[in-house]
Amino acid sequence: MRYVIASIAAILVALAVTVFVSPPLTGWVLQQFTYESPDSVDDLDMLVFMAINVSGLIAGWLLGWAIGGAFEKDEPVE
């Protein structure tokens, strides 16, 4: 059950990060640099966007794993 809770939490947190956190943070990071070509802007845009989304996925998994651990029972082995 712990894996199910962790998976659901990872999906939900990744979705929230993708919709609400990644676009403004990516825009802010892109404004911090100067560029020589449009390709470098696009490359950095994709890199930052995906890095933030993967971080959200990992954070959601860890959060779900911790929540799922609270519901897990250790049954004594007989």
PDB file of N, CA and C in Angstrom:
ATOM      1  N   MET A   1       0.822  -1.198   0.000  1.00  0.00           N
ATOM      2  CA  MET A   1       0.000   0.000   0.000  1.00  0.00           C
ATOM      3  C   MET A   1       0.867   1.264   0.000  1.00  0.00           C
ATOM      4  N   ARG A   2       2.056   1.121   0.588  1.00  0.00           N
ATOM      5  CA  ARG A   2       2.944   2.267   0.659  1.00  0.00           C
ATOM      6  C   ARG A   2       3.348   2.745  -0.735  1.00  0.00           C
ATOM      7  N   TYR A   3       3.577   1.811  -1.648  1.00  0.00           N
ATOM      8  CA  TYR A   3       3.951   2.166  -3.017  1.00  0.00           C
ATOM      9  C   TYR A   3       2.811   2.873  -3.747  1.00  0.00           C
ATOM     10  N   VAL A   4       1.598   2.462  -3.490  1.00  0.00           N
ATOM     11  CA  VAL A   4       0.442   3.091  -4.138  1.00  0.00           C
ATOM     12  C   VAL A   4       0.300   4.536  -3.674  1.00  0.00           C
ATOM     13  N   ILE A   5       0.413   4.743  -2.375  1.00  0.00           N
ATOM     14  CA  ILE A   5       0.308   6.098  -1.829  1.00  0.00           C
ATOM     15  C   ILE A   5       1.443   6.971  -2.355  1.00  0.00           C
ATOM     16  N   ALA A   6       2.650   6.419  -2.410  1.00  0.00           N
ATOM     17  CA  ALA A   6       3.793   7.184  -2.917  1.00  0.00           C
ATOM     18  C   ALA A   6       3.612   7.531  -4.395  1.00  0.00           C
ATOM     19  N   SER A   7       3.089   6.605  -5.175  1.00  0.00           N
ATOM     20  CA  SER A   7       2.877   6.863  -6.605  1.00  0.00           C
ATOM     21  C   SER A   7       1.818   7.935  -6.829  1.00  0.00           C
ATOM     22  N   ILE A   8       0.725   7.837  -6.098  1.00  0.00           N
ATOM     23  CA  ILE A   8      -0.343   8.833  -6.236  1.00  0.00           C
ATOM     24  C   ILE A   8       0.148  10.214  -5.814  1.00  0.00           C
ATOM     25  N   ALA A   9       0.868  10.284  -4.699  1.00  0.00           N
ATOM     26  CA  ALA A   9       1.398  11.570  -4.242  1.00  0.00           C
ATOM     27  C   ALA A   9       2.397  12.137  -5.244  1.00  0.00           C
ATOM     28  N   ALA A  10       3.229  11.274  -5.825  1.00  0.00           N
ATOM     29  CA  ALA A  10       4.207  11.736  -6.817  1.00  0.00           C
ATOM     30  C   ALA A  10       3.514  12.332  -8.031  1.00  0.00           C
ATOM     31  N   ILE A  11       2.466  11.682  -8.492  1.00  0.00           N
ATOM     32  CA  ILE A  11       1.728  12.189  -9.654  1.00  0.00           C
ATOM     33  C   ILE A  11       1.064  13.525  -9.338  1.00  0.00           C
ATOM     34  N   LEU A  12       0.431  13.619  -8.179  1.00  0.00           N
ATOM     35  CA  LEU A  12      -0.269  14.853  -7.824  1.00  0.00           C
ATOM     36  C   LEU A  12       0.690  16.024  -7.617  1.00  0.00           C
ATOM     37  N   VAL A  13       1.791  15.777  -6.922  1.00  0.00           N
ATOM     38  CA  VAL A  13       2.755  16.859  -6.696  1.00  0.00           C
ATOM     39  C   VAL A  13       3.424  17.263  -8.008  1.00  0.00           C
ATOM     40  N   ALA A  14       3.761  16.289  -8.844  1.00  0.00           N
ATOM     41  CA  ALA A  14       4.372  16.611 -10.140  1.00  0.00           C
ATOM     42  C   ALA A  14       3.415  17.426 -11.008  1.00  0.00           C
ATOM     43  N   LEU A  15       2.142  17.096 -10.977  1.00  0.00           N
ATOM     44  CA  LEU A  15       1.154  17.862 -11.735  1.00  0.00           C
ATOM     45  C   LEU A  15       1.065  19.296 -11.219  1.00  0.00           C
ATOM     46  N   ALA A  16       1.010  19.449  -9.901  1.00  0.00           N
ATOM     47  CA  ALA A  16       0.931  20.789  -9.323  1.00  0.00           C
ATOM     48  C   ALA A  16       2.183  21.609  -9.641  1.00  0.00           C
ATOM     49  N   VAL A  17       3.341  20.983  -9.560  1.00  0.00           N
ATOM     50  CA  VAL A  17       4.587  21.685  -9.869  1.00  0.00           C
ATOM     51  C   VAL A  17       4.632  22.075 -11.342  1.00  0.00           C
ATOM     52  N   THR A  18       4.190  21.178 -12.214  1.00  0.00           N
ATOM     53  CA  THR A  18       4.199  21.461 -13.651  1.00  0.00           C
ATOM     54  C   THR A  18       3.292  22.635 -14.001  1.00  0.00           C
ATOM     55  N   VAL A  19       2.165  22.728 -13.334  1.00  0.00           N
ATOM     56  CA  VAL A  19       1.197  23.778 -13.666  1.00  0.00           C
ATOM     57  C   VAL A  19       1.524  25.106 -12.978  1.00  0.00           C
ATOM     58  N   PHE A  20       1.913  25.053 -11.697  1.00  0.00           N
ATOM     59  CA  PHE A  20       2.010  26.283 -10.920  1.00  0.00           C
ATOM     60  C   PHE A  20       3.429  26.770 -10.639  1.00  0.00           C
ATOM     61  N   VAL A  21       4.410  25.904 -10.596  1.00  0.00           N
ATOM     62  CA  VAL A  21       5.755  26.310 -10.179  1.00  0.00           C
ATOM     63  C   VAL A  21       6.712  26.450 -11.360  1.00  0.00           C
ATOM     64  N   SER A  22       6.718  25.491 -12.253  1.00  0.00           N
ATOM     65  CA  SER A  22       7.704  25.473 -13.343  1.00  0.00           C
ATOM     66  C   SER A  22       7.644  26.686 -14.272  1.00  0.00           C
ATOM     67  N   PRO A  23       6.479  27.099 -14.762  1.00  0.00           N
ATOM     68  CA  PRO A  23       6.485  28.236 -15.710  1.00  0.00           C
ATOM     69  C   PRO A  23       7.058  29.533 -15.143  1.00  0.00           C
ATOM     70  N   PRO A  24       6.633  29.990 -13.956  1.00  0.00           N
ATOM     71  CA  PRO A  24       7.224  31.248 -13.482  1.00  0.00           C
ATOM     72  C   PRO A  24       8.699  31.121 -13.101  1.00  0.00           C
ATOM     73  N   LEU A  25       9.074  29.989 -12.529  1.00  0.00           N
ATOM     74  CA  LEU A  25      10.465  29.810 -12.129  1.00  0.00           C
ATOM     75  C   LEU A  25      11.382  29.686 -13.346  1.00  0.00           C
ATOM     76  N   THR A  26      10.909  29.018 -14.382  1.00  0.00           N
ATOM     77  CA  THR A  26      11.685  28.913 -15.617  1.00  0.00           C
ATOM     78  C   THR A  26      11.868  30.287 -16.255  1.00  0.00           C
ATOM     79  N   GLY A  27      10.815  31.072 -16.279  1.00  0.00           N
ATOM     80  CA  GLY A  27      10.922  32.428 -16.820  1.00  0.00           C
ATOM     81  C   GLY A  27      11.915  33.280 -16.054  1.00  0.00           C
ATOM     82  N   TRP A  28      11.909  33.144 -14.733  1.00  0.00           N
ATOM     83  CA  TRP A  28      12.847  33.899 -13.909  1.00  0.00           C
ATOM     84  C   TRP A  28      14.289  33.490 -14.201  1.00  0.00           C
ATOM     85  N   VAL A  29      14.536  32.176 -14.300  1.00  0.00           N
ATOM     86  CA  VAL A  29      15.893  31.691 -14.586  1.00  0.00           C
ATOM     87  C   VAL A  29      16.358  32.175 -15.955  1.00  0.00           C
ATOM     88  N   LEU A  30      15.483  32.149 -16.943  1.00  0.00           N
ATOM     89  CA  LEU A  30      15.862  32.581 -18.290  1.00  0.00           C
ATOM     90  C   LEU A  30      16.222  34.064 -18.339  1.00  0.00           C
ATOM     91  N   GLN A  31      15.623  34.872 -17.487  1.00  0.00           N
ATOM     92  CA  GLN A  31      15.914  36.305 -17.477  1.00  0.00           C
ATOM     93  C   GLN A  31      17.256  36.626 -16.826  1.00  0.00           C
ATOM     94  N   GLN A  32      17.858  35.670 -16.147  1.00  0.00           N
ATOM     95  CA  GLN A  32      19.111  35.912 -15.443  1.00  0.00           C
ATOM     96  C   GLN A  32      20.335  35.851 -16.355  1.00  0.00           C
ATOM     97  N   PHE A  33      20.177  35.379 -17.582  1.00  0.00           N
ATOM     98  CA  PHE A  33      21.305  35.178 -18.488  1.00  0.00           C
ATOM     99  C   PHE A  33      21.125  35.968 -19.780  1.00  0.00           C
ATOM    100  N   THR A  34      22.241  36.166 -20.477  1.00  0.00           N
ATOM    101  CA  THR A  34      22.200  36.721 -21.831  1.00  0.00           C
ATOM    102  C   THR A  34      22.550  35.596 -22.799  1.00  0.00           C
ATOM    103  N   TYR A  35      22.002  35.665 -23.994  1.00  0.00           N
ATOM    104  CA  TYR A  35      22.119  34.560 -24.937  1.00  0.00           C
ATOM    105  C   TYR A  35      22.643  35.051 -26.275  1.00  0.00           C
ATOM    106  N   GLU A  36      23.307  34.137 -26.977  1.00  0.00           N
ATOM    107  CA  GLU A  36      23.819  34.452 -28.304  1.00  0.00           C
ATOM    108  C   GLU A  36      22.918  33.937 -29.411  1.00  0.00           C
ATOM    109  N   SER A  37      22.096  32.942 -29.107  1.00  0.00           N
ATOM    110  CA  SER A  37      21.217  32.395 -30.146  1.00  0.00           C
ATOM    111  C   SER A  37      19.905  31.938 -29.515  1.00  0.00           C
ATOM    112  N   PRO A  38      18.850  31.870 -30.304  1.00  0.00           N
ATOM    113  CA  PRO A  38      17.570  31.380 -29.796  1.00  0.00           C
ATOM    114  C   PRO A  38      17.627  29.914 -29.364  1.00  0.00           C
ATOM    115  N   ASP A  39      18.545  29.161 -29.964  1.00  0.00           N
ATOM    116  CA  ASP A  39      18.668  27.757 -29.577  1.00  0.00           C
ATOM    117  C   ASP A  39      19.133  27.604 -28.136  1.00  0.00           C
ATOM    118  N   SER A  40      20.031  28.465 -27.698  1.00  0.00           N
ATOM    119  CA  SER A  40      20.503  28.364 -26.318  1.00  0.00           C
ATOM    120  C   SER A  40      19.396  28.729 -25.334  1.00  0.00           C
ATOM    121  N   VAL A  41      18.536  29.656 -25.713  1.00  0.00           N
ATOM    122  CA  VAL A  41      17.385  29.996 -24.868  1.00  0.00           C
ATOM    123  C   VAL A  41      16.462  28.794 -24.745  1.00  0.00           C
ATOM    124  N   ASP A  42      16.187  28.156 -25.852  1.00  0.00           N
ATOM    125  CA  ASP A  42      15.289  27.002 -25.853  1.00  0.00           C
ATOM    126  C   ASP A  42      15.886  25.832 -25.080  1.00  0.00           C
ATOM    127  N   ASP A  43      17.191  25.612 -25.233  1.00  0.00           N
ATOM    128  CA  ASP A  43      17.840  24.517 -24.511  1.00  0.00           C
ATOM    129  C   ASP A  43      17.762  24.726 -23.003  1.00  0.00           C
ATOM    130  N   LEU A  44      18.069  25.935 -22.551  1.00  0.00           N
ATOM    131  CA  LEU A  44      18.009  26.216 -21.124  1.00  0.00           C
ATOM    132  C   LEU A  44      16.573  26.158 -20.619  1.00  0.00           C
ATOM    133  N   ASP A  45      15.641  26.637 -21.419  1.00  0.00           N
ATOM    134  CA  ASP A  45      14.224  26.586 -21.050  1.00  0.00           C
ATOM    135  C   ASP A  45      13.779  25.147 -20.796  1.00  0.00           C
ATOM    136  N   MET A  46      14.118  24.259 -21.714  1.00  0.00           N
ATOM    137  CA  MET A  46      13.729  22.852 -21.549  1.00  0.00           C
ATOM    138  C   MET A  46      14.434  22.207 -20.363  1.00  0.00           C
ATOM    139  N   LEU A  47      15.718  22.518 -20.191  1.00  0.00           N
ATOM    140  CA  LEU A  47      16.483  21.932 -19.095  1.00  0.00           C
ATOM    141  C   LEU A  47      15.920  22.339 -17.737  1.00  0.00           C
ATOM    142  N   VAL A  48      15.677  23.620 -17.557  1.00  0.00           N
ATOM    143  CA  VAL A  48      15.163  24.109 -16.275  1.00  0.00           C
ATOM    144  C   VAL A  48      13.757  23.580 -16.019  1.00  0.00           C
ATOM    145  N   PHE A  49      12.916  23.601 -17.037  1.00  0.00           N
ATOM    146  CA  PHE A  49      11.538  23.122 -16.880  1.00  0.00           C
ATOM    147  C   PHE A  49      11.515  21.652 -16.463  1.00  0.00           C
ATOM    148  N   MET A  50      12.299  20.826 -17.138  1.00  0.00           N
ATOM    149  CA  MET A  50      12.312  19.397 -16.815  1.00  0.00           C
ATOM    150  C   MET A  50      12.972  19.124 -15.467  1.00  0.00           C
ATOM    151  N   ALA A  51      14.008  19.873 -15.122  1.00  0.00           N
ATOM    152  CA  ALA A  51      14.662  19.681 -13.826  1.00  0.00           C
ATOM    153  C   ALA A  51      13.709  20.007 -12.680  1.00  0.00           C
ATOM    154  N   ILE A  52      12.938  21.055 -12.828  1.00  0.00           N
ATOM    155  CA  ILE A  52      11.964  21.413 -11.796  1.00  0.00           C
ATOM    156  C   ILE A  52      10.876  20.349 -11.708  1.00  0.00           C
ATOM    157  N   ASN A  53      10.418  19.853 -12.843  1.00  0.00           N
ATOM    158  CA  ASN A  53       9.372  18.827 -12.835  1.00  0.00           C
ATOM    159  C   ASN A  53       9.863  17.519 -12.222  1.00  0.00           C
ATOM    160  N   VAL A  54      11.080  17.118 -12.535  1.00  0.00           N
ATOM    161  CA  VAL A  54      11.632  15.892 -11.944  1.00  0.00           C
ATOM    162  C   VAL A  54      11.823  16.075 -10.440  1.00  0.00           C
ATOM    163  N   SER A  55      12.240  17.257 -10.023  1.00  0.00           N
ATOM    164  CA  SER A  55      12.369  17.532  -8.591  1.00  0.00           C
ATOM    165  C   SER A  55      11.020  17.433  -7.889  1.00  0.00           C
ATOM    166  N   GLY A  56       9.979  17.935  -8.534  1.00  0.00           N
ATOM    167  CA  GLY A  56       8.634  17.816  -7.969  1.00  0.00           C
ATOM    168  C   GLY A  56       8.172  16.378  -7.885  1.00  0.00           C
ATOM    169  N   LEU A  57       8.509  15.585  -8.892  1.00  0.00           N
ATOM    170  CA  LEU A  57       8.157  14.166  -8.880  1.00  0.00           C
ATOM    171  C   LEU A  57       8.852  13.443  -7.730  1.00  0.00           C
ATOM    172  N   ILE A  58      10.129  13.713  -7.543  1.00  0.00           N
ATOM    173  CA  ILE A  58      10.876  13.078  -6.451  1.00  0.00           C
ATOM    174  C   ILE A  58      10.350  13.542  -5.097  1.00  0.00           C
ATOM    175  N   ALA A  59      10.074  14.825  -4.959  1.00  0.00           N
ATOM    176  CA  ALA A  59       9.530  15.336  -3.699  1.00  0.00           C
ATOM    177  C   ALA A  59       8.170  14.715  -3.396  1.00  0.00           C
ATOM    178  N   GLY A  60       7.338  14.561  -4.414  1.00  0.00           N
ATOM    179  CA  GLY A  60       6.037  13.922  -4.219  1.00  0.00           C
ATOM    180  C   GLY A  60       6.168  12.468  -3.819  1.00  0.00           C
ATOM    181  N   TRP A  61       7.120  11.759  -4.436  1.00  0.00           N
ATOM    182  CA  TRP A  61       7.349  10.359  -4.078  1.00  0.00           C
ATOM    183  C   TRP A  61       7.789  10.256  -2.615  1.00  0.00           C
ATOM    184  N   LEU A  62       8.731  11.109  -2.202  1.00  0.00           N
ATOM    185  CA  LEU A  62       9.207  11.064  -0.818  1.00  0.00           C
ATOM    186  C   LEU A  62       8.101  11.424   0.167  1.00  0.00           C
ATOM    187  N   LEU A  63       7.299  12.401  -0.181  1.00  0.00           N
ATOM    188  CA  LEU A  63       6.169  12.772   0.675  1.00  0.00           C
ATOM    189  C   LEU A  63       5.183  11.619   0.794  1.00  0.00           C
ATOM    190  N   GLY A  64       4.847  11.005  -0.319  1.00  0.00           N
ATOM    191  CA  GLY A  64       3.933   9.866  -0.300  1.00  0.00           C
ATOM    192  C   GLY A  64       4.510   8.673   0.432  1.00  0.00           C
ATOM    193  N   TRP A  65       5.808   8.457   0.299  1.00  0.00           N
ATOM    194  CA  TRP A  65       6.471   7.356   0.995  1.00  0.00           C
ATOM    195  C   TRP A  65       6.395   7.569   2.508  1.00  0.00           C
ATOM    196  N   ALA A  66       6.588   8.813   2.947  1.00  0.00           N
ATOM    197  CA  ALA A  66       6.501   9.123   4.375  1.00  0.00           C
ATOM    198  C   ALA A  66       5.071   8.973   4.886  1.00  0.00           C
ATOM    199  N   ILE A  67       4.113   9.437   4.115  1.00  0.00           N
ATOM    200  CA  ILE A  67       2.708   9.302   4.518  1.00  0.00           C
ATOM    201  C   ILE A  67       2.304   7.837   4.532  1.00  0.00           C
ATOM    202  N   GLY A  68       2.712   7.090   3.526  1.00  0.00           N
ATOM    203  CA  GLY A  68       2.396   5.663   3.475  1.00  0.00           C
ATOM    204  C   GLY A  68       3.037   4.888   4.605  1.00  0.00           C
ATOM    205  N   GLY A  69       4.196   5.325   5.057  1.00  0.00           N
ATOM    206  CA  GLY A  69       4.865   4.664   6.174  1.00  0.00           C
ATOM    207  C   GLY A  69       4.119   4.835   7.476  1.00  0.00           C
ATOM    208  N   ALA A  70       3.371   5.913   7.594  1.00  0.00           N
ATOM    209  CA  ALA A  70       2.598   6.128   8.818  1.00  0.00           C
ATOM    210  C   ALA A  70       1.449   5.129   8.933  1.00  0.00           C
ATOM    211  N   PHE A  71       0.966   4.624   7.806  1.00  0.00           N
ATOM    212  CA  PHE A  71      -0.146   3.682   7.818  1.00  0.00           C
ATOM    213  C   PHE A  71       0.302   2.225   7.794  1.00  0.00           C
ATOM    214  N   GLU A  72       1.590   2.004   7.621  1.00  0.00           N
ATOM    215  CA  GLU A  72       2.096   0.642   7.523  1.00  0.00           C
ATOM    216  C   GLU A  72       2.205   0.025   8.915  1.00  0.00           C
ATOM    217  N   LYS A  73       1.789  -1.221   9.017  1.00  0.00           N
ATOM    218  CA  LYS A  73       1.855  -1.935  10.289  1.00  0.00           C
ATOM    219  C   LYS A  73       2.913  -3.026  10.182  1.00  0.00           C
ATOM    220  N   ASP A  74       3.681  -3.179  11.219  1.00  0.00           N
ATOM    221  CA  ASP A  74       4.637  -4.274  11.275  1.00  0.00           C
ATOM    222  C   ASP A  74       3.979  -5.446  11.982  1.00  0.00           C
ATOM    223  N   GLU A  75       3.677  -6.462  11.215  1.00  0.00           N
ATOM    224  CA  GLU A  75       3.063  -7.669  11.769  1.00  0.00           C
ATOM    225  C   GLU A  75       4.167  -8.576  12.299  1.00  0.00           C
ATOM    226  N   PRO A  76       4.003  -9.091  13.508  1.00  0.00           N
ATOM    227  CA  PRO A  76       5.018 -10.016  14.020  1.00  0.00           C
ATOM    228  C   PRO A  76       4.994 -11.329  13.237  1.00  0.00           C
ATOM    229  N   VAL A  77       6.168 -11.850  12.975  1.00  0.00           N
ATOM    230  CA  VAL A  77       6.288 -13.107  12.250  1.00  0.00           C
ATOM    231  C   VAL A  77       6.150 -14.250  13.242  1.00  0.00           C
ATOM    232  N   GLU A  78       5.267 -15.193  12.941  1.00  0.00           N
ATOM    233  CA  GLU A  78       5.056 -16.319  13.853  1.00  0.00           C
ATOM    234  C   GLU A  78       5.687 -17.564  13.326  1.00  0.00           C
TER     235      GLU A  78
END
